[in-house]
Structures are given as C-alpha cells and as structure tokens.
C-alpha cells in the first residue's frame, strides 16, 4: 500500500506458476507493458520456457511506478513466493531501474539484455542498416574478450563512427549483458529477447482492456492462463501416447531419442542432423 493506504503494488501467482518454476526456472524473462487496466499501472509478467518450448508463466504484477524501489520490491516478493530459488539466467529490456534491481536482488544470476531492444537503439542512433548487420555479427561472435575488443574498435573504424559518443560508450559499458563472448557458457534456452513476455502480453490483451477495473483484470487474466495452459496438456498427451515416424538410418537410437525428448525438441535435433547431411 502507499502512504494514502491505496493499492500500490500487486503480485500474484497460482499453483501452476509454482510447478512450472520448480521445473523450468533455469531462465526467467520479464518486461513491463501499459494500458491493460484503467489505472495504467505497469503490468509485469515473468515467463520461461518448458520442455515443449512453450512459454510458461511464473507470476505477474501490477506496479505503481517503474522506479528502482518498485522493481526491488517485486523481485524480492517473486523470490519469496518461489522459496527463494533464484533462476540461473534472466533476460530483460534495457530499463536502467530494472537492471539495477536485478543486480541487487538476483545476486549471482547471469543477466542478459534483450537483443531486439539493443538493435533498435543501434539503428536509431546509427541510421545505417549495414552498420546494424555488422553489430549483430559482433554480438554473436564466438571469440575471446580481447578479440571482441579488437573487433569492436574495427567496427567503428570501418564505418567512421565516433567511439566517444554517449550511446556508443553506454553500449560498450553494457557489453557483458549482450555480447556472446561474455555470455557464452550460460544456458539461455535459445532465448535472446523478451519476445516471450511480449507474446503473453499480446495474448492477455485479447482478454483484457484498458478500461477494466483491477479485480476484473485479474479474473480475466486467470481465465486467459487456463486457456493458455491447454496447449501444454495437448502436447504432453502427444508426447506420451504417440510414436513419431522414424526418419534416420539408426532406428534403435532414434527410438530411444523418442523416449527421452519431447516431439518439439526431437524435431529440432533431426532437422539439424538432416542439414549436416
């Protein structure tokens, strides 16, 4: 509550969030969105990915504002609700207050910034699509950190861009949060953006409107999550009670893989094998 005894911050979750977090807490992704309620409070959704590569929900919140103290409160409550189990990695957008709160509360957790937001910032400042392409290549470059620094200088020399500009120095200062050479060895489940959070935000907006009262929003959100989780039950049924058609010349190994992997992950592995051939 705030000083006037009105609701300021609200966090809620259900048993499904608890179970999903127990199994899939390796990586947590979250950002905030507006206009899902008549108070225009920031709406924050914590998500991850399951063994079917579907988005799963770990909890959500309405905040009174987006200052650092609000995110500090939110992350502490998030951990409290999940038995103080920290994720291994977290992905957020470039919000400074959120970044400081993650560093303070999620101690020892590997933090990655959303690559899409970074790309937008680079394009906005450089106004050069070729420069953006080279920056993306550098962001994904598998090299040592000294080699990264060499390539960083070369990038700006090649395009005659001033390395002392504020946006450049700020981007370089945050390189540990976006460059693969600093992030490699950490498991992000193939996620580089906050797209999964934004995907659920878009899904929720089909059930909610900006004119809703808060109690109505929560009720609609619960209904939305019931419908969302039906995908998981359908895919679990397929994984447990169906057998895919064998496609390789190693049938015994492929049958074993069918028992170990979900159909989605098995399809990804087989596609990689076929491409190598």
Protein backbone atom coordinates (compact mmCIF):
# COMPACT_ATOMS: atom_id res chain seq x y z
CA UNK A 1 0.00 0.00 0.00
CA UNK A 2 1.10 3.63 -0.47
CA UNK A 3 1.12 6.47 2.05
CA UNK A 4 -2.60 7.09 1.43
CA UNK A 5 -3.44 3.45 2.09
CA UNK A 6 -4.22 2.73 -1.55
CA UNK A 7 -3.00 -0.26 -3.52
CA UNK A 8 0.40 0.47 -4.97
CA UNK A 9 1.99 -2.85 -5.99
CA UNK A 10 0.35 -6.24 -6.51
CA UNK A 11 1.94 -9.62 -7.29
CA UNK A 12 0.00 -12.82 -7.84
CA UNK A 13 0.61 -16.38 -8.95
CA UNK A 14 -1.09 -19.77 -8.73
CA UNK A 15 -0.16 -23.42 -8.26
CA UNK A 16 0.60 -23.75 -11.97
CA UNK A 17 3.21 -20.99 -11.67
CA UNK A 18 4.80 -22.79 -8.72
CA UNK A 19 5.03 -26.13 -10.54
CA UNK A 20 6.37 -24.59 -13.74
CA UNK A 21 9.02 -22.63 -11.85
CA UNK A 22 10.17 -25.76 -10.00
CA UNK A 23 10.91 -27.48 -13.30
CA UNK A 24 11.79 -24.63 -15.68
CA UNK A 25 13.44 -21.93 -13.58
CA UNK A 26 16.75 -22.03 -15.47
CA UNK A 27 15.84 -18.84 -17.27
CA UNK A 28 13.32 -16.10 -16.48
CA UNK A 29 12.28 -13.37 -18.88
CA UNK A 30 10.24 -10.30 -17.96
CA UNK A 31 9.40 -6.78 -19.04
CA UNK A 32 6.54 -4.33 -18.46
CA UNK A 33 3.63 -3.08 -20.53
CA UNK A 34 0.96 -0.41 -20.06
CA UNK A 35 -2.75 0.11 -20.67
CA UNK A 36 -4.00 -3.30 -19.58
CA UNK A 37 -6.12 -1.59 -16.90
CA UNK A 38 -7.84 1.74 -16.35
CA UNK A 39 -5.15 2.86 -13.88
CA UNK A 40 -2.38 2.47 -16.50
CA UNK A 41 -0.16 0.71 -13.98
CA UNK A 42 2.87 -1.11 -15.41
CA UNK A 43 1.94 -4.77 -15.90
CA UNK A 44 4.89 -7.17 -15.48
CA UNK A 45 4.81 -10.84 -16.47
CA UNK A 46 7.52 -13.36 -15.51
CA UNK A 47 7.84 -16.17 -18.06
CA UNK A 48 10.11 -19.02 -19.06
CA UNK A 49 10.07 -21.93 -21.50
CA UNK A 50 9.20 -25.58 -20.91
CA UNK A 51 10.34 -28.86 -22.47
CA UNK A 52 7.93 -28.31 -25.39
CA UNK A 53 9.48 -24.87 -25.98
CA UNK A 54 6.21 -23.25 -24.99
CA UNK A 55 6.05 -20.14 -22.85
CA UNK A 56 5.20 -20.79 -19.20
CA UNK A 57 4.12 -18.29 -16.56
CA UNK A 58 5.91 -17.81 -13.22
CA UNK A 59 3.87 -14.87 -11.89
CA UNK A 60 2.74 -11.37 -12.76
CA UNK A 61 2.40 -7.98 -11.15
CA UNK A 62 0.89 -4.52 -11.28
CA UNK A 63 3.28 -1.80 -10.13
CA UNK A 64 2.58 1.73 -9.03
CA UNK A 65 5.58 3.03 -10.97
CA UNK A 66 8.78 1.86 -12.65
CA UNK A 67 11.36 3.21 -10.24
CA UNK A 68 14.11 1.04 -8.81
CA UNK A 69 12.39 0.56 -5.44
CA UNK A 70 9.32 -0.90 -7.18
CA UNK A 71 11.41 -3.47 -9.03
CA UNK A 72 13.37 -4.23 -5.86
CA UNK A 73 10.09 -4.98 -4.07
CA UNK A 74 8.85 -7.06 -6.99
CA UNK A 75 11.93 -9.27 -7.32
CA UNK A 76 12.10 -9.87 -3.57
CA UNK A 77 8.43 -10.92 -3.49
CA UNK A 78 8.99 -13.10 -6.57
CA UNK A 79 11.77 -14.99 -4.78
CA UNK A 80 9.75 -15.24 -1.59
CA UNK A 81 6.84 -16.80 -3.46
CA UNK A 82 9.17 -19.36 -5.07
CA UNK A 83 11.01 -20.48 -1.90
CA UNK A 84 13.91 -18.09 -2.59
CA UNK A 85 15.01 -20.16 -5.57
CA UNK A 86 16.91 -17.89 -7.92
CA UNK A 87 16.92 -18.51 -11.68
CA UNK A 88 20.23 -19.21 -13.38
CA UNK A 89 19.75 -16.57 -16.06
CA UNK A 90 17.40 -13.66 -16.65
CA UNK A 91 16.53 -11.60 -19.73
CA UNK A 92 15.10 -8.07 -19.50
CA UNK A 93 14.84 -4.98 -21.69
CA UNK A 94 17.28 -2.12 -21.25
CA UNK A 95 15.44 -0.33 -18.43
CA UNK A 96 18.04 1.05 -16.02
CA UNK A 97 15.93 0.71 -12.86
CA UNK A 98 15.12 -2.90 -13.71
CA UNK A 99 18.78 -3.63 -14.41
CA UNK A 100 19.89 -2.24 -11.03
CA UNK A 101 17.21 -4.23 -9.19
CA UNK A 102 18.25 -7.46 -10.92
CA UNK A 103 21.88 -6.88 -9.94
CA UNK A 104 20.89 -6.18 -6.33
CA UNK A 105 18.33 -8.96 -5.74
CA UNK A 106 19.29 -11.70 -8.22
CA UNK A 107 22.85 -11.99 -6.91
CA UNK A 108 24.95 -14.39 -8.99
CA UNK A 109 22.31 -14.66 -11.74
CA UNK A 110 23.53 -14.14 -15.30
CA UNK A 111 21.70 -11.17 -16.78
CA UNK A 112 21.16 -10.66 -20.50
CA UNK A 113 19.63 -7.64 -22.21
CA UNK A 114 17.02 -8.10 -24.94
CA UNK A 115 18.81 -8.11 -28.30
CA UNK A 116 15.78 -6.61 -30.08
CA UNK A 117 15.78 -3.51 -27.87
CA UNK A 118 19.53 -3.13 -28.36
CA UNK A 119 19.17 -3.46 -32.13
CA UNK A 120 16.51 -0.75 -32.13
CA UNK A 121 18.79 1.55 -30.17
CA UNK A 122 21.72 0.96 -32.53
CA UNK A 123 19.58 1.56 -35.61
CA UNK A 124 18.04 4.69 -34.10
CA UNK A 125 21.46 6.22 -33.43
CA UNK A 126 23.44 5.00 -36.45
CA UNK A 127 20.71 5.18 -39.14
CA UNK A 128 22.74 2.60 -41.09
CA UNK A 129 21.38 -0.89 -41.83
CA UNK A 130 24.84 -2.20 -42.80
CA UNK A 131 26.27 -0.99 -39.51
CA UNK A 132 23.44 -2.76 -37.68
CA UNK A 133 24.23 -6.00 -39.52
CA UNK A 134 27.90 -5.79 -38.53
CA UNK A 135 26.95 -5.03 -34.94
CA UNK A 136 24.69 -8.12 -34.85
CA UNK A 137 27.54 -10.26 -36.17
CA UNK A 138 29.82 -8.89 -33.47
CA UNK A 139 27.20 -9.51 -30.77
CA UNK A 140 27.07 -13.22 -31.77
CA UNK A 141 30.79 -13.61 -32.48
CA UNK A 142 32.35 -16.61 -30.71
CA UNK A 143 35.69 -15.18 -29.65
CA UNK A 144 37.75 -14.26 -26.61
CA UNK A 145 37.13 -10.99 -24.82
CA UNK A 146 40.37 -9.35 -26.04
CA UNK A 147 39.42 -10.38 -29.59
CA UNK A 148 35.99 -8.83 -29.04
CA UNK A 149 37.60 -5.52 -28.08
CA UNK A 150 39.69 -5.56 -31.25
CA UNK A 151 36.63 -6.24 -33.42
CA UNK A 152 34.68 -3.54 -31.56
CA UNK A 153 37.26 -0.88 -32.48
CA UNK A 154 37.43 -2.19 -36.05
CA UNK A 155 33.64 -1.94 -36.41
CA UNK A 156 33.58 1.77 -35.66
CA UNK A 157 36.70 2.49 -37.67
CA UNK A 158 35.24 0.76 -40.74
CA UNK A 159 32.08 2.85 -40.59
CA UNK A 160 33.81 6.03 -39.41
CA UNK A 161 31.60 6.26 -36.31
CA UNK A 162 32.82 8.21 -33.29
CA UNK A 163 33.50 5.76 -30.44
CA UNK A 164 33.21 8.56 -27.88
CA UNK A 165 29.52 9.25 -28.48
CA UNK A 166 27.33 8.69 -25.42
CA UNK A 167 25.25 5.86 -26.91
CA UNK A 168 28.42 4.04 -28.02
CA UNK A 169 30.18 4.25 -24.67
CA UNK A 170 26.97 3.21 -22.91
CA UNK A 171 26.57 0.19 -25.21
CA UNK A 172 30.19 -0.86 -24.67
CA UNK A 173 29.85 -0.47 -20.90
CA UNK A 174 26.97 -2.99 -21.01
CA UNK A 175 28.78 -5.49 -23.25
CA UNK A 176 28.76 -8.14 -20.51
CA UNK A 177 24.97 -8.14 -20.83
CA UNK A 178 24.70 -8.69 -24.60
CA UNK A 179 27.97 -9.91 -26.23
CA UNK A 180 28.23 -13.67 -26.76
CA UNK A 181 31.93 -13.61 -25.91
CA UNK A 182 30.93 -12.56 -22.37
CA UNK A 183 27.77 -14.68 -22.12
CA UNK A 184 28.94 -17.97 -23.59
CA UNK A 185 28.78 -20.93 -21.24
CA UNK A 186 25.43 -19.77 -19.84
CA UNK A 187 22.18 -21.53 -20.74
CA UNK A 188 19.51 -19.23 -22.20
CA UNK A 189 17.38 -21.93 -23.89
CA UNK A 190 17.85 -20.22 -27.24
CA UNK A 191 16.27 -17.00 -25.95
CA UNK A 192 17.90 -13.66 -26.76
CA UNK A 193 14.91 -11.32 -26.49
CA UNK A 194 11.91 -10.60 -24.26
CA UNK A 195 9.66 -11.77 -27.08
CA UNK A 196 8.02 -14.45 -24.92
CA UNK A 197 6.93 -11.82 -22.39
CA UNK A 198 5.63 -9.61 -25.17
CA UNK A 199 3.84 -12.62 -26.68
CA UNK A 200 1.90 -13.26 -23.47
CA UNK A 201 1.22 -9.52 -23.14
CA UNK A 202 -0.40 -9.56 -26.59
CA UNK A 203 -2.34 -12.71 -25.69
CA UNK A 204 -3.63 -11.20 -22.43
CA UNK A 205 -4.80 -8.06 -24.21
CA UNK A 206 -7.28 -10.23 -26.12
CA UNK A 207 -8.96 -10.96 -22.79
CA UNK A 208 -8.46 -7.57 -21.11
CA UNK A 209 -8.98 -3.93 -21.99
CA UNK A 210 -7.55 -0.67 -20.71
CA UNK A 211 -10.94 0.27 -19.24
CA UNK A 212 -11.07 -2.67 -16.83
CA UNK A 213 -11.00 -2.36 -13.07
CA UNK A 214 -8.20 -4.24 -11.36
CA UNK A 215 -10.36 -7.04 -9.96
CA UNK A 216 -11.80 -7.67 -13.43
CA UNK A 217 -8.33 -7.72 -14.94
CA UNK A 218 -7.14 -10.40 -12.52
CA UNK A 219 -10.19 -12.54 -13.19
CA UNK A 220 -9.75 -12.23 -16.97
CA UNK A 221 -6.04 -12.96 -16.65
CA UNK A 222 -6.75 -16.18 -14.74
CA UNK A 223 -9.14 -17.26 -17.48
CA UNK A 224 -6.55 -16.43 -20.13
CA UNK A 225 -3.96 -18.61 -18.38
CA UNK A 226 -6.35 -21.57 -18.18
CA UNK A 227 -6.77 -21.40 -21.95
CA UNK A 228 -3.01 -20.87 -22.47
CA UNK A 229 -2.09 -23.98 -20.46
CA UNK A 230 -4.31 -26.19 -22.58
CA UNK A 231 -1.50 -26.20 -25.15
CA UNK A 232 0.75 -27.93 -22.64
CA UNK A 233 -1.77 -30.66 -21.87
CA UNK A 234 -2.31 -31.34 -25.56
CA UNK A 235 1.42 -31.57 -26.26
CA UNK A 236 2.00 -33.77 -23.21
CA UNK A 237 -0.66 -36.18 -24.48
CA UNK A 238 1.00 -36.36 -27.90
CA UNK A 239 4.44 -36.88 -26.31
CA UNK A 240 3.23 -39.68 -24.03
CA UNK A 241 0.85 -41.62 -26.26
CA UNK A 242 2.04 -41.24 -29.83
CA UNK A 243 5.14 -42.51 -31.66
CA UNK A 244 6.68 -40.39 -34.41
CA UNK A 245 7.66 -41.86 -37.77
CA UNK A 246 11.33 -42.91 -37.77
CA UNK A 247 13.43 -40.89 -40.23
CA UNK A 248 17.06 -41.89 -39.82
CA UNK A 249 19.16 -44.99 -40.58
CA UNK A 250 19.67 -45.51 -36.82
CA UNK A 251 16.24 -46.76 -35.72
CA UNK A 252 17.24 -48.04 -32.27
CA UNK A 253 18.94 -44.75 -31.38
CA UNK A 254 16.02 -42.75 -32.75
CA UNK A 255 13.50 -44.82 -30.74
CA UNK A 256 15.50 -44.08 -27.61
CA UNK A 257 15.52 -40.37 -28.50
CA UNK A 258 11.72 -40.54 -28.85
CA UNK A 259 11.54 -41.73 -25.24
CA UNK A 260 13.91 -39.02 -23.96
CA UNK A 261 12.94 -35.90 -25.90
CA UNK A 262 9.63 -34.17 -26.46
CA UNK A 263 8.43 -34.17 -30.11
CA UNK A 264 9.36 -30.48 -30.49
CA UNK A 265 12.94 -30.97 -29.36
CA UNK A 266 13.29 -34.24 -31.27
CA UNK A 267 12.20 -32.50 -34.47
CA UNK A 268 14.85 -29.82 -33.90
CA UNK A 269 17.57 -32.45 -33.42
CA UNK A 270 16.54 -34.42 -36.50
CA UNK A 271 16.43 -31.24 -38.59
CA UNK A 272 19.99 -30.43 -37.52
CA UNK A 273 21.11 -33.95 -38.48
CA UNK A 274 19.45 -33.67 -41.89
CA UNK A 275 21.07 -30.29 -42.54
CA UNK A 276 24.52 -31.69 -41.73
CA UNK A 277 23.97 -34.46 -44.26
